[in-house]
């Protein structure tokens, strides 16, 4: 009724009487009850009995008349809803666009896209933001248009990153354009969103040199701009970057600083601007870091905090993020069933909301857990499918690690040659994409060493890091190569202070020494590493290290 009165510009009582009569006779329209407007006014609602009536009447109307009616309806809607006009932003955007008022249509398209993000309707938000950018081309160039474009590019970037993954080319283009507009307009709070998006784009593409430069720039902003949360987010960005470069103590330092200034109330709605809540992201990445540093129990406690917060916030992106990280941590702790359960939960959330990157990574982790539980063929198939989906998003981050998991599973399936090919690809990729200090690089060399030993033994034999003696003696050259890989793994782990990787590589080398009759060297090597741990003694790695030490006594 509000739209009809506004379009006809007639007395409301007269229009209501006409509509009531038509509805009573069931001519074209029907009674749909009463609508209460934001100003407290109650108006009757009517709807067409069939869309054909609406379409026929609309098509018979001259184009100029349609434009006039749409504009009147939109203006009346603005007037009635006032400060709450954003609640009907999509409707107003449609009427202003059809009314040829592109400036106001763009304004409400941006607001409607924001509403879509709040409802986690990411695809809808992407479509609305793209339409706004299309209409923007019809406006004259200038400062006002630049400001509108900046808002639209940032609004587009968030849901697009959720659905396509941060490494998608269009995501990078949106945030790069936003950064250019920030330079054109001058420093505004929006610059933090633009830099965050660009940093995430380069990080997920494994372009860590560029990502680190952006993180440093972000931290510098915190020293000269008075916007809340810059320092917190800057430390998060730097922590994640150096974590992927294998600088674990420095990463933990940045995460601790970020958590010290994180305010749950102040940053509760950050997911609407940055894609995820920082309280969830900090804890997830810090948990990984703690595991690498040999603190698996602390890591588990922190990931549980992240999951609790993500469930409380009920944001699909943050929930998928925390569930994947939980699955990954349980994988690192070699806890197959919890890894599978969390991975499947992450896949469910991701599938429901179209979160391509998390679904791909969780599928890989699920495949690993299935393979570890004896479902080798299904597990390998899952990992291959996840790897393909991961690559399709443009992501490069963690790909060497994923290739190594597939190579390890292939070896378990009696395909050592395929496994070694995957490991060589992983090591080459790590060098090429700047992951020379990859957080998983020590493990890449350890797995390669195990595959070399397996390839040189009887068919079907798998020499796991967690136990077992060779069925036959390996070729001397293979032993030398494997020993070199294990030593390289230990060297890298020590440089990174990655005690968990050092323990695994130490077990592999200790078993090799034992099988060569060098029991004292094996015990001395492993005891030194084992004795450096202060927690996690109920985890699989430390239990098996203890059992191996007892065997070597």
Protein backbone atom coordinates (compact mmCIF):
# COMPACT_ATOMS: atom_id res chain seq x y z
CA UNK A 1 0.00 0.00 0.00
CA UNK A 2 2.85 2.36 0.82
CA UNK A 3 4.26 1.92 -2.70
CA UNK A 4 0.88 2.35 -4.41
CA UNK A 5 0.06 5.56 -2.53
CA UNK A 6 3.52 6.96 -3.23
CA UNK A 7 3.35 6.06 -6.92
CA UNK A 8 -0.12 7.42 -7.53
CA UNK A 9 0.33 10.47 -5.26
CA UNK A 10 -3.32 10.22 -4.25
CA UNK A 11 -5.15 10.27 -0.94
CA UNK A 12 -4.34 7.15 1.05
CA UNK A 13 -7.95 6.50 2.10
CA UNK A 14 -9.12 6.64 -1.50
CA UNK A 15 -6.43 4.23 -2.68
CA UNK A 16 -7.11 1.83 0.20
CA UNK A 17 -10.83 1.81 -0.63
CA UNK A 18 -10.11 0.90 -4.27
CA UNK A 19 -7.73 -1.87 -3.28
CA UNK A 20 -10.14 -3.21 -0.68
CA UNK A 21 -12.86 -3.42 -3.31
CA UNK A 22 -10.63 -5.23 -5.80
CA UNK A 23 -9.46 -7.67 -3.14
CA UNK A 24 -13.02 -8.32 -2.02
CA UNK A 25 -14.00 -9.19 -5.59
CA UNK A 26 -10.71 -11.11 -6.02
CA UNK A 27 -9.84 -9.01 -9.03
CA UNK A 28 -6.06 -8.97 -9.59
CA UNK A 29 -5.09 -8.60 -5.91
CA UNK A 30 -5.65 -10.21 -2.52
CA UNK A 31 -5.54 -9.02 1.09
CA UNK A 32 -2.16 -9.74 2.77
CA UNK A 33 -2.86 -8.33 6.21
CA UNK A 34 -1.39 -5.27 7.91
CA UNK A 35 2.15 -3.87 7.91
CA UNK A 36 3.53 -1.75 10.74
CA UNK A 37 5.96 0.94 9.54
CA UNK A 38 9.00 2.13 11.52
CA UNK A 39 7.10 5.29 12.54
CA UNK A 40 4.41 3.14 14.17
CA UNK A 41 1.88 3.68 11.41
CA UNK A 42 -0.11 0.60 10.32
CA UNK A 43 -1.03 0.19 6.64
CA UNK A 44 -2.89 -2.48 4.72
CA UNK A 45 -0.91 -4.87 2.53
CA UNK A 46 -2.06 -6.31 -0.78
CA UNK A 47 -0.44 -8.66 -3.29
CA UNK A 48 -1.15 -9.75 -6.83
CA UNK A 49 -3.09 -13.01 -7.10
CA UNK A 50 -0.72 -14.07 -9.90
CA UNK A 51 2.55 -12.62 -11.20
CA UNK A 52 1.02 -12.58 -14.70
CA UNK A 53 -1.31 -9.75 -13.66
CA UNK A 54 1.59 -7.74 -12.29
CA UNK A 55 3.73 -8.30 -15.38
CA UNK A 56 0.92 -7.46 -17.80
CA UNK A 57 0.05 -4.21 -16.04
CA UNK A 58 3.72 -3.24 -15.74
CA UNK A 59 4.43 -3.88 -19.45
CA UNK A 60 1.45 -1.76 -20.52
CA UNK A 61 2.86 1.24 -18.67
CA UNK A 62 4.98 3.73 -20.68
CA UNK A 63 8.71 3.68 -19.83
CA UNK A 64 8.70 7.29 -18.64
CA UNK A 65 5.79 6.52 -16.32
CA UNK A 66 7.60 3.51 -14.87
CA UNK A 67 10.69 5.61 -14.11
CA UNK A 68 8.55 8.21 -12.39
CA UNK A 69 6.69 5.64 -10.28
CA UNK A 70 9.85 3.81 -9.20
CA UNK A 71 11.49 7.04 -8.10
CA UNK A 72 8.44 8.17 -6.14
CA UNK A 73 8.19 4.78 -4.39
CA UNK A 74 11.88 4.83 -3.45
CA UNK A 75 11.74 8.40 -2.14
CA UNK A 76 8.67 7.61 -0.06
CA UNK A 77 10.39 4.53 1.32
CA UNK A 78 13.37 6.63 2.35
CA UNK A 79 11.09 9.13 4.02
CA UNK A 80 9.08 6.58 5.97
CA UNK A 81 12.01 4.41 7.08
CA UNK A 82 14.36 7.33 7.81
CA UNK A 83 17.47 6.14 9.64
CA UNK A 84 16.28 2.55 9.23
CA UNK A 85 16.20 2.78 5.43
CA UNK A 86 19.09 0.32 5.29
CA UNK A 87 16.68 -2.41 6.39
CA UNK A 88 15.02 -2.25 2.96
CA UNK A 89 18.20 -1.36 1.07
CA UNK A 90 17.75 -4.00 -1.64
CA UNK A 91 14.21 -2.80 -2.36
CA UNK A 92 15.25 0.85 -2.42
CA UNK A 93 18.22 0.03 -4.68
CA UNK A 94 15.92 -1.67 -7.16
CA UNK A 95 13.46 1.23 -7.24
CA UNK A 96 16.17 3.88 -7.53
CA UNK A 97 17.88 1.94 -10.33
CA UNK A 98 14.60 1.54 -12.21
CA UNK A 99 13.92 5.19 -11.46
CA UNK A 100 17.22 6.15 -13.15
CA UNK A 101 18.65 7.61 -9.93
CA UNK A 102 21.94 5.72 -10.15
CA UNK A 103 23.69 7.61 -7.41
CA UNK A 104 21.20 6.57 -4.74
CA UNK A 105 20.83 3.10 -6.27
CA UNK A 106 24.58 2.55 -5.77
CA UNK A 107 24.34 3.73 -2.16
CA UNK A 108 21.64 1.19 -1.36
CA UNK A 109 23.26 -1.62 -3.36
CA UNK A 110 26.30 -1.24 -1.15
CA UNK A 111 24.12 -1.30 1.98
CA UNK A 112 22.17 -4.29 0.68
CA UNK A 113 25.44 -6.15 0.05
CA UNK A 114 26.46 -5.37 3.62
CA UNK A 115 23.15 -6.78 4.82
CA UNK A 116 23.89 -9.94 2.83
CA UNK A 117 27.26 -10.30 4.58
CA UNK A 118 25.57 -9.94 7.97
CA UNK A 119 23.19 -12.75 7.04
CA UNK A 120 26.12 -14.77 5.67
CA UNK A 121 24.42 -14.70 2.26
CA UNK A 122 27.79 -14.34 0.56
CA UNK A 123 26.74 -15.05 -3.03
CA UNK A 124 23.92 -12.53 -2.78
CA UNK A 125 26.32 -9.94 -1.38
CA UNK A 126 28.76 -10.53 -4.25
CA UNK A 127 26.01 -10.01 -6.82
CA UNK A 128 24.78 -6.78 -5.21
CA UNK A 129 28.27 -5.32 -4.92
CA UNK A 130 29.08 -6.19 -8.53
CA UNK A 131 25.86 -4.52 -9.68
CA UNK A 132 26.83 -1.41 -7.75
CA UNK A 133 30.19 -1.30 -9.50
CA UNK A 134 28.48 -1.67 -12.87
CA UNK A 135 26.18 1.27 -12.16
CA UNK A 136 29.13 3.32 -10.94
CA UNK A 137 30.39 3.52 -14.51
CA UNK A 138 27.43 5.78 -15.29
CA UNK A 139 28.47 8.44 -12.78
CA UNK A 140 30.94 11.25 -13.53
CA UNK A 141 34.49 10.80 -12.28
CA UNK A 142 35.42 12.62 -9.09
CA UNK A 143 36.04 12.35 -5.35
CA UNK A 144 32.49 11.28 -4.55
CA UNK A 145 32.57 8.47 -7.08
CA UNK A 146 35.96 7.34 -5.78
CA UNK A 147 34.55 7.13 -2.26
CA UNK A 148 31.58 5.07 -3.44
CA UNK A 149 33.82 2.74 -5.41
CA UNK A 150 36.08 2.24 -2.40
CA UNK A 151 33.12 1.13 -0.28
CA UNK A 152 31.89 -1.21 -3.01
CA UNK A 153 35.29 -2.80 -3.66
CA UNK A 154 35.77 -3.51 0.04
CA UNK A 155 32.21 -4.81 0.34
CA UNK A 156 32.82 -7.09 -2.65
CA UNK A 157 36.15 -8.37 -1.35
CA UNK A 158 34.87 -9.87 1.90
CA UNK A 159 32.17 -12.25 0.57
CA UNK A 160 34.20 -13.00 -2.55
CA UNK A 161 37.14 -14.11 -0.41
CA UNK A 162 34.77 -16.33 1.57
CA UNK A 163 33.30 -18.07 -1.46
CA UNK A 164 36.24 -18.12 -3.89
CA UNK A 165 39.12 -18.14 -1.42
CA UNK A 166 41.50 -15.28 -0.62
CA UNK A 167 43.84 -16.29 -3.44
CA UNK A 168 41.27 -15.79 -6.21
CA UNK A 169 42.40 -13.26 -8.82
CA UNK A 170 39.21 -11.22 -8.51
CA UNK A 171 39.72 -10.97 -4.74
CA UNK A 172 43.21 -9.60 -5.27
CA UNK A 173 41.90 -7.15 -7.89
CA UNK A 174 39.19 -5.86 -5.55
CA UNK A 175 41.57 -5.17 -2.67
CA UNK A 176 44.30 -3.80 -4.93
CA UNK A 177 41.83 -1.33 -6.43
CA UNK A 178 40.67 -0.42 -2.92
CA UNK A 179 44.29 0.27 -1.92
CA UNK A 180 44.75 2.51 -4.98
CA UNK A 181 41.59 4.44 -4.09
CA UNK A 182 42.82 4.89 -0.51
CA UNK A 183 45.99 6.49 -1.85
CA UNK A 184 43.87 8.71 -4.09
CA UNK A 185 41.47 9.77 -1.34
CA UNK A 186 43.92 9.91 1.56
CA UNK A 187 44.24 8.01 4.84
CA UNK A 188 40.90 6.72 6.09
CA UNK A 189 39.92 3.78 8.33
CA UNK A 190 39.18 1.92 5.08
CA UNK A 191 42.89 1.60 4.37
CA UNK A 192 43.14 -1.09 7.03
CA UNK A 193 40.53 -3.21 5.27
CA UNK A 194 42.27 -2.78 1.93
CA UNK A 195 45.68 -3.73 3.32
CA UNK A 196 44.24 -6.70 5.20
CA UNK A 197 42.62 -8.03 2.03
CA UNK A 198 45.82 -7.58 0.00
CA UNK A 199 47.90 -9.23 2.71
CA UNK A 200 45.53 -12.21 2.88
CA UNK A 201 45.59 -12.51 -0.92
CA UNK A 202 49.39 -12.71 -1.07
CA UNK A 203 49.63 -14.92 2.02
CA UNK A 204 47.25 -17.57 0.70
CA UNK A 205 49.06 -17.49 -2.65
CA UNK A 206 52.27 -18.21 -0.69
CA UNK A 207 53.84 -14.89 -1.75
CA UNK A 208 55.29 -14.33 1.69
CA UNK A 209 57.81 -11.66 0.80
CA UNK A 210 55.05 -9.33 -0.41
CA UNK A 211 52.81 -10.36 2.48
CA UNK A 212 55.52 -9.45 4.98
CA UNK A 213 55.98 -6.00 3.43
CA UNK A 214 52.24 -5.35 3.74
CA UNK A 215 52.20 -6.57 7.36
CA UNK A 216 55.09 -4.23 8.19
CA UNK A 217 53.24 -1.35 6.52
CA UNK A 218 50.15 -2.20 8.57
CA UNK A 219 52.12 -2.18 11.80
CA UNK A 220 53.54 1.20 10.79
CA UNK A 221 50.02 2.58 10.38
CA UNK A 222 49.35 1.76 14.02
CA UNK A 223 52.05 4.23 15.02
CA UNK A 224 50.53 7.20 13.17
CA UNK A 225 46.79 6.56 12.78
CA UNK A 226 44.38 6.70 15.74
CA UNK A 227 42.12 3.87 14.58
CA UNK A 228 41.27 1.18 17.12
CA UNK A 229 42.59 -2.31 16.53
CA UNK A 230 45.37 -1.51 14.07
CA UNK A 231 48.16 -2.76 16.33
CA UNK A 232 46.25 -5.93 17.19
CA UNK A 233 45.56 -6.80 13.57
CA UNK A 234 49.08 -5.82 12.52
CA UNK A 235 50.58 -8.27 15.01
CA UNK A 236 48.19 -10.96 13.77
CA UNK A 237 49.25 -10.34 10.16
CA UNK A 238 52.95 -10.38 11.00
CA UNK A 239 52.54 -13.48 13.17
CA UNK A 240 50.82 -15.44 10.42
CA UNK A 241 53.40 -14.34 7.85
CA UNK A 242 56.46 -15.34 9.86
CA UNK A 243 54.73 -18.57 10.92
CA UNK A 244 54.57 -19.54 7.24
CA UNK A 245 58.24 -18.64 6.96
CA UNK A 246 59.11 -21.01 9.78
CA UNK A 247 60.04 -18.34 12.35
CA UNK A 248 58.08 -19.91 15.19
CA UNK A 249 59.39 -17.99 18.25
CA UNK A 250 58.83 -14.66 16.46
CA UNK A 251 55.38 -15.75 15.34
CA UNK A 252 54.38 -16.64 18.90
CA UNK A 253 55.66 -13.28 20.12
CA UNK A 254 53.39 -11.47 17.66
CA UNK A 255 50.37 -13.63 18.52
CA UNK A 256 50.87 -12.96 22.23
CA UNK A 257 51.02 -9.22 21.57
CA UNK A 258 47.88 -9.43 19.43
CA UNK A 259 45.96 -11.30 22.12
CA UNK A 260 47.09 -8.84 24.79
CA UNK A 261 45.32 -5.97 23.00
CA UNK A 262 42.38 -7.96 21.62
CA UNK A 263 39.07 -6.67 23.00
CA UNK A 264 36.18 -9.13 22.46
CA UNK A 265 33.58 -6.35 22.61
CA UNK A 266 35.46 -3.91 20.40
CA UNK A 267 36.26 -6.49 17.73
CA UNK A 268 33.07 -8.55 17.87
CA UNK A 269 31.86 -7.39 14.42
CA UNK A 270 35.26 -7.48 12.70
CA UNK A 271 34.17 -10.43 10.57
CA UNK A 272 31.88 -8.09 8.64
CA UNK A 273 34.86 -5.98 7.56
CA UNK A 274 37.75 -8.43 7.54
CA UNK A 275 36.07 -11.77 6.91
CA UNK A 276 36.83 -13.33 10.30
CA UNK A 277 37.00 -12.51 13.99
CA UNK A 278 40.61 -11.85 15.09
CA UNK A 279 40.10 -13.59 18.43
CA UNK A 280 39.44 -16.83 16.54
CA UNK A 281 42.22 -16.33 13.99
CA UNK A 282 44.90 -15.43 16.55
CA UNK A 283 44.21 -18.50 18.68
CA UNK A 284 44.12 -20.85 15.68
CA UNK A 285 47.49 -19.76 14.33
CA UNK A 286 49.04 -19.54 17.80
CA UNK A 287 47.93 -23.13 18.47
CA UNK A 288 49.76 -24.30 15.36
CA UNK A 289 52.85 -22.36 16.46
CA UNK A 290 52.82 -23.89 19.92
CA UNK A 291 52.71 -27.39 18.47
CA UNK A 292 55.72 -26.72 16.26
CA UNK A 293 57.59 -25.38 19.30
CA UNK A 294 56.98 -28.61 21.20
CA UNK A 295 54.06 -27.50 23.36
CA UNK A 296 51.21 -29.76 22.14
CA UNK A 297 49.06 -29.53 25.27
CA UNK A 298 49.05 -25.73 25.27
CA UNK A 299 48.21 -25.87 21.58
CA UNK A 300 45.20 -28.10 22.24
CA UNK A 301 43.92 -25.76 24.97
CA UNK A 302 44.18 -22.76 22.68
CA UNK A 303 42.39 -24.42 19.76
CA UNK A 304 39.55 -25.33 22.10
CA UNK A 305 39.26 -21.66 23.07
CA UNK A 306 39.12 -20.73 19.38
CA UNK A 307 36.37 -23.27 18.73
CA UNK A 308 34.37 -22.06 21.70
CA UNK A 309 34.56 -18.44 20.52
CA UNK A 310 33.74 -19.35 16.92
CA UNK A 311 30.67 -21.31 18.01
CA UNK A 312 29.57 -18.45 20.23
CA UNK A 313 29.84 -15.96 17.35
CA UNK A 314 28.17 -18.39 14.90
CA UNK A 315 29.90 -16.85 11.85
CA UNK A 316 30.29 -19.49 9.10
CA UNK A 317 33.69 -18.22 7.94
CA UNK A 318 35.16 -18.17 11.45
CA UNK A 319 33.58 -21.49 12.34
CA UNK A 320 34.97 -23.20 9.23
CA UNK A 321 38.36 -21.61 9.95
CA UNK A 322 38.49 -22.88 13.54
CA UNK A 323 37.19 -26.36 12.64
CA UNK A 324 39.82 -26.76 9.94
CA UNK A 325 42.60 -25.60 12.28
CA UNK A 326 41.33 -28.01 14.95
CA UNK A 327 41.38 -30.85 12.42
CA UNK A 328 44.89 -29.87 11.37
CA UNK A 329 46.14 -29.71 14.95
CA UNK A 330 44.76 -33.16 15.71
CA UNK A 331 46.49 -34.34 12.53
CA UNK A 332 49.77 -32.90 13.82
CA UNK A 333 49.15 -34.66 17.15
CA UNK A 334 48.45 -37.85 15.15
CA UNK A 335 44.93 -38.20 16.50
CA UNK A 336 43.09 -39.60 13.50
CA UNK A 337 39.50 -39.77 14.74
CA UNK A 338 39.31 -36.22 16.18
CA UNK A 339 41.01 -34.96 13.01
CA UNK A 340 38.38 -36.68 10.88
CA UNK A 341 35.47 -35.42 13.01
CA UNK A 342 36.62 -31.79 12.90
CA UNK A 343 37.44 -32.01 9.20
CA UNK A 344 33.97 -33.35 8.42
CA UNK A 345 32.39 -30.58 10.49
CA UNK A 346 34.47 -28.01 8.58
CA UNK A 347 33.39 -29.56 5.26
CA UNK A 348 29.72 -29.38 6.31
CA UNK A 349 29.90 -25.68 7.23
CA UNK A 350 31.95 -24.85 4.15
CA UNK A 351 29.64 -26.73 1.81
CA UNK A 352 26.55 -25.03 3.24
CA UNK A 353 27.97 -21.54 2.80
CA UNK A 354 30.14 -22.03 -0.28
CA UNK A 355 33.52 -21.61 1.45
CA UNK A 356 35.71 -23.20 -1.21
CA UNK A 357 39.16 -22.90 0.38
CA UNK A 358 38.26 -24.37 3.76
CA UNK A 359 36.30 -27.20 2.15
CA UNK A 360 39.32 -28.11 0.04
CA UNK A 361 41.81 -28.08 2.93
CA UNK A 362 39.47 -29.97 5.25
CA UNK A 363 38.96 -32.60 2.54
CA UNK A 364 42.72 -33.17 2.42
CA UNK A 365 42.87 -33.57 6.19
CA UNK A 366 39.92 -35.94 6.15
CA UNK A 367 41.70 -37.98 3.48
CA UNK A 368 44.81 -38.20 5.68
CA UNK A 369 42.76 -39.40 8.65
CA UNK A 370 41.04 -42.09 6.55
CA UNK A 371 44.37 -43.33 5.20
CA UNK A 372 45.82 -43.47 8.73
CA UNK A 373 42.87 -45.61 9.81
CA UNK A 374 43.46 -48.12 7.02
CA UNK A 375 41.17 -46.72 4.32
CA UNK A 376 44.14 -46.12 2.05
CA UNK A 377 42.46 -45.93 -1.34
CA UNK A 378 39.58 -43.73 -0.16
CA UNK A 379 41.99 -41.55 1.80
CA UNK A 380 44.28 -41.02 -1.19
CA UNK A 381 41.30 -40.22 -3.42
CA UNK A 382 40.06 -37.66 -0.90
CA UNK A 383 43.49 -36.03 -0.70
CA UNK A 384 43.79 -35.84 -4.49
CA UNK A 385 40.33 -34.29 -4.76
CA UNK A 386 41.09 -31.79 -2.02
CA UNK A 387 44.43 -30.87 -3.62
CA UNK A 388 42.74 -30.21 -6.96
CA UNK A 389 40.10 -28.03 -5.30
CA UNK A 390 42.79 -26.22 -3.29
CA UNK A 391 44.75 -25.45 -6.46
CA UNK A 392 41.58 -24.29 -8.24
CA UNK A 393 41.19 -21.47 -5.70
CA UNK A 394 44.64 -20.13 -6.63
CA UNK A 395 46.03 -21.03 -3.21
CA UNK A 396 49.67 -21.97 -2.79
CA UNK A 397 49.95 -21.83 1.00
CA UNK A 398 50.63 -25.23 2.60
CA UNK A 399 50.61 -26.99 -0.78
CA UNK A 400 54.07 -28.53 -0.20
CA UNK A 401 52.77 -30.00 3.06
CA UNK A 402 49.64 -31.38 1.39
CA UNK A 403 51.74 -32.95 -1.37
CA UNK A 404 53.90 -34.58 1.28
CA UNK A 405 50.85 -36.07 3.02
CA UNK A 406 49.72 -37.55 -0.29
CA UNK A 407 53.25 -38.83 -0.96
CA UNK A 408 53.37 -40.49 2.45
CA UNK A 409 50.00 -42.17 1.88
CA UNK A 410 51.09 -43.29 -1.59
CA UNK A 411 54.13 -44.95 -0.05
CA UNK A 412 51.93 -46.74 2.43
CA UNK A 413 49.98 -48.05 -0.56
CA UNK A 414 53.17 -49.55 -1.98
CA UNK A 415 53.75 -46.73 -4.44
CA UNK A 416 57.05 -45.39 -3.13
CA UNK A 417 58.11 -44.06 -6.51
CA UNK A 418 54.96 -41.93 -6.79
CA UNK A 419 55.48 -40.81 -3.22
CA UNK A 420 59.05 -39.68 -3.92
CA UNK A 421 57.91 -37.81 -7.01
CA UNK A 422 55.36 -35.92 -4.89
CA UNK A 423 57.99 -35.16 -2.25
CA UNK A 424 60.40 -33.81 -4.85
CA UNK A 425 57.59 -31.65 -6.23
CA UNK A 426 56.82 -30.40 -2.72
CA UNK A 427 60.44 -29.48 -2.03
CA UNK A 428 60.82 -27.78 -5.41
CA UNK A 429 57.60 -25.83 -4.88
CA UNK A 430 58.69 -24.79 -1.40
CA UNK A 431 61.86 -23.32 -2.88
CA UNK A 432 60.07 -21.66 -5.77
CA UNK A 433 57.32 -19.95 -3.80
CA UNK A 434 59.58 -18.60 -1.10
CA UNK A 435 58.86 -21.26 1.51
CA UNK A 436 62.54 -22.09 1.98
CA UNK A 437 61.83 -21.80 5.69
CA UNK A 438 58.45 -23.46 5.40
CA UNK A 439 56.90 -24.54 8.70
CA UNK A 440 56.68 -28.08 7.26
CA UNK A 441 60.04 -28.24 5.51
CA UNK A 442 61.73 -30.39 8.14
CA UNK A 443 58.93 -32.92 7.79
CA UNK A 444 59.26 -32.93 4.01
CA UNK A 445 62.84 -34.17 4.31
CA UNK A 446 61.93 -36.74 6.96
CA UNK A 447 59.15 -38.24 4.84
CA UNK A 448 61.43 -38.30 1.81
CA UNK A 449 63.99 -40.25 3.83
CA UNK A 450 61.38 -42.81 4.87
CA UNK A 451 60.21 -43.18 1.26
CA UNK A 452 63.78 -43.74 0.10
CA UNK A 453 64.20 -46.56 2.59
CA UNK A 454 60.86 -48.07 1.65
CA UNK A 455 61.63 -47.94 -2.08
CA UNK A 456 64.81 -49.94 -1.51
CA UNK A 457 63.13 -52.69 0.51
CA UNK A 458 60.77 -55.52 -0.38
CA UNK A 459 57.52 -54.56 -2.23
CA UNK A 460 54.71 -53.58 0.06
CA UNK A 461 56.98 -52.69 2.97
CA UNK A 462 56.28 -49.40 4.75
CA UNK A 463 58.79 -48.07 7.19
CA UNK A 464 56.72 -45.57 9.21
CA UNK A 465 58.15 -42.92 11.48
CA UNK A 466 56.21 -44.50 14.28
CA UNK A 467 57.70 -47.97 14.29
CA UNK A 468 58.47 -51.20 12.46
CA UNK A 469 61.63 -52.91 11.26
CA UNK A 470 62.59 -53.38 7.62
CA UNK A 471 61.62 -56.65 5.98
CA UNK A 472 64.97 -56.74 4.22
CA UNK A 473 68.06 -54.58 4.36
CA UNK A 474 67.94 -51.45 2.23
CA UNK A 475 70.51 -50.69 -0.46
CA UNK A 476 73.57 -48.83 0.93
CA UNK A 477 73.03 -45.85 -1.37
CA UNK A 478 69.39 -45.54 -0.24
CA UNK A 479 70.50 -45.70 3.39
CA UNK A 480 73.01 -42.91 2.83
CA UNK A 481 70.42 -40.74 1.07
CA UNK A 482 67.82 -41.41 3.76
CA UNK A 483 70.31 -40.62 6.53
CA UNK A 484 71.16 -37.34 4.78
CA UNK A 485 67.44 -36.48 4.63
CA UNK A 486 66.95 -37.24 8.33
CA UNK A 487 69.98 -35.14 9.27
CA UNK A 488 68.73 -32.29 7.10
CA UNK A 489 65.35 -32.54 8.76
CA UNK A 490 66.90 -32.33 12.22
CA UNK A 491 69.09 -29.41 11.17
CA UNK A 492 66.13 -27.40 9.85
CA UNK A 493 64.02 -28.22 12.91
CA UNK A 494 66.79 -27.06 15.25
CA UNK A 495 67.23 -23.81 13.30
CA UNK A 496 63.48 -23.18 13.56
CA UNK A 497 63.28 -24.41 17.18
CA UNK A 498 60.61 -26.80 15.89
CA UNK A 499 60.97 -29.42 18.59
CA UNK A 500 58.02 -31.51 17.40
CA UNK A 501 59.56 -31.95 13.95
CA UNK A 502 62.97 -32.56 15.54
CA UNK A 503 61.49 -35.39 17.62
CA UNK A 504 59.98 -37.11 14.59
CA UNK A 505 63.16 -36.82 12.57
CA UNK A 506 65.14 -37.99 15.60
CA UNK A 507 62.99 -41.12 15.83
CA UNK A 508 63.49 -41.85 12.13
CA UNK A 509 67.26 -41.49 12.41
CA UNK A 510 67.41 -43.41 15.69
CA UNK A 511 65.60 -46.36 14.08
CA UNK A 512 68.00 -46.28 11.17
CA UNK A 513 70.97 -46.30 13.56
CA UNK A 514 69.40 -49.14 15.55
CA UNK A 515 68.96 -51.24 12.42
CA UNK A 516 72.63 -50.62 11.63
CA UNK A 517 73.64 -51.80 15.09
CA UNK A 518 74.52 -48.30 16.33
CA UNK A 519 72.27 -48.50 19.39
CA UNK A 520 74.25 -46.11 21.62
CA UNK A 521 74.30 -43.38 18.96
CA UNK A 522 70.58 -43.92 18.46
CA UNK A 523 69.79 -43.64 22.18
CA UNK A 524 72.02 -40.61 22.77
CA UNK A 525 70.46 -38.79 19.82
CA UNK A 526 66.85 -39.46 20.78
CA UNK A 527 67.27 -39.01 24.54
CA UNK A 528 68.61 -35.49 24.09
CA UNK A 529 65.55 -34.48 22.09
CA UNK A 530 63.05 -36.32 24.29
CA UNK A 531 64.44 -34.79 27.50
CA UNK A 532 63.88 -31.26 26.16
CA UNK A 533 60.08 -31.71 26.30
CA UNK A 534 58.10 -30.55 29.32
CA UNK A 535 54.58 -31.53 28.21
CA UNK A 536 52.62 -33.67 25.77
CA UNK A 537 53.85 -37.00 27.14
CA UNK A 538 50.51 -38.66 26.35
CA UNK A 539 50.72 -37.72 22.64
CA UNK A 540 51.53 -40.42 20.10
CA UNK A 541 54.96 -39.05 19.18
CA UNK A 542 56.24 -38.79 22.74
CA UNK A 543 54.79 -42.16 23.77
CA UNK A 544 56.53 -43.85 20.86
CA UNK A 545 59.75 -41.97 21.46
CA UNK A 546 59.70 -43.27 25.03
CA UNK A 547 59.03 -46.81 23.81
CA UNK A 548 61.91 -46.55 21.37
CA UNK A 549 64.24 -45.30 24.10
CA UNK A 550 63.25 -48.28 26.28
CA UNK A 551 63.96 -50.60 23.35
CA UNK A 552 67.40 -49.02 22.92
CA UNK A 553 68.33 -49.39 26.60
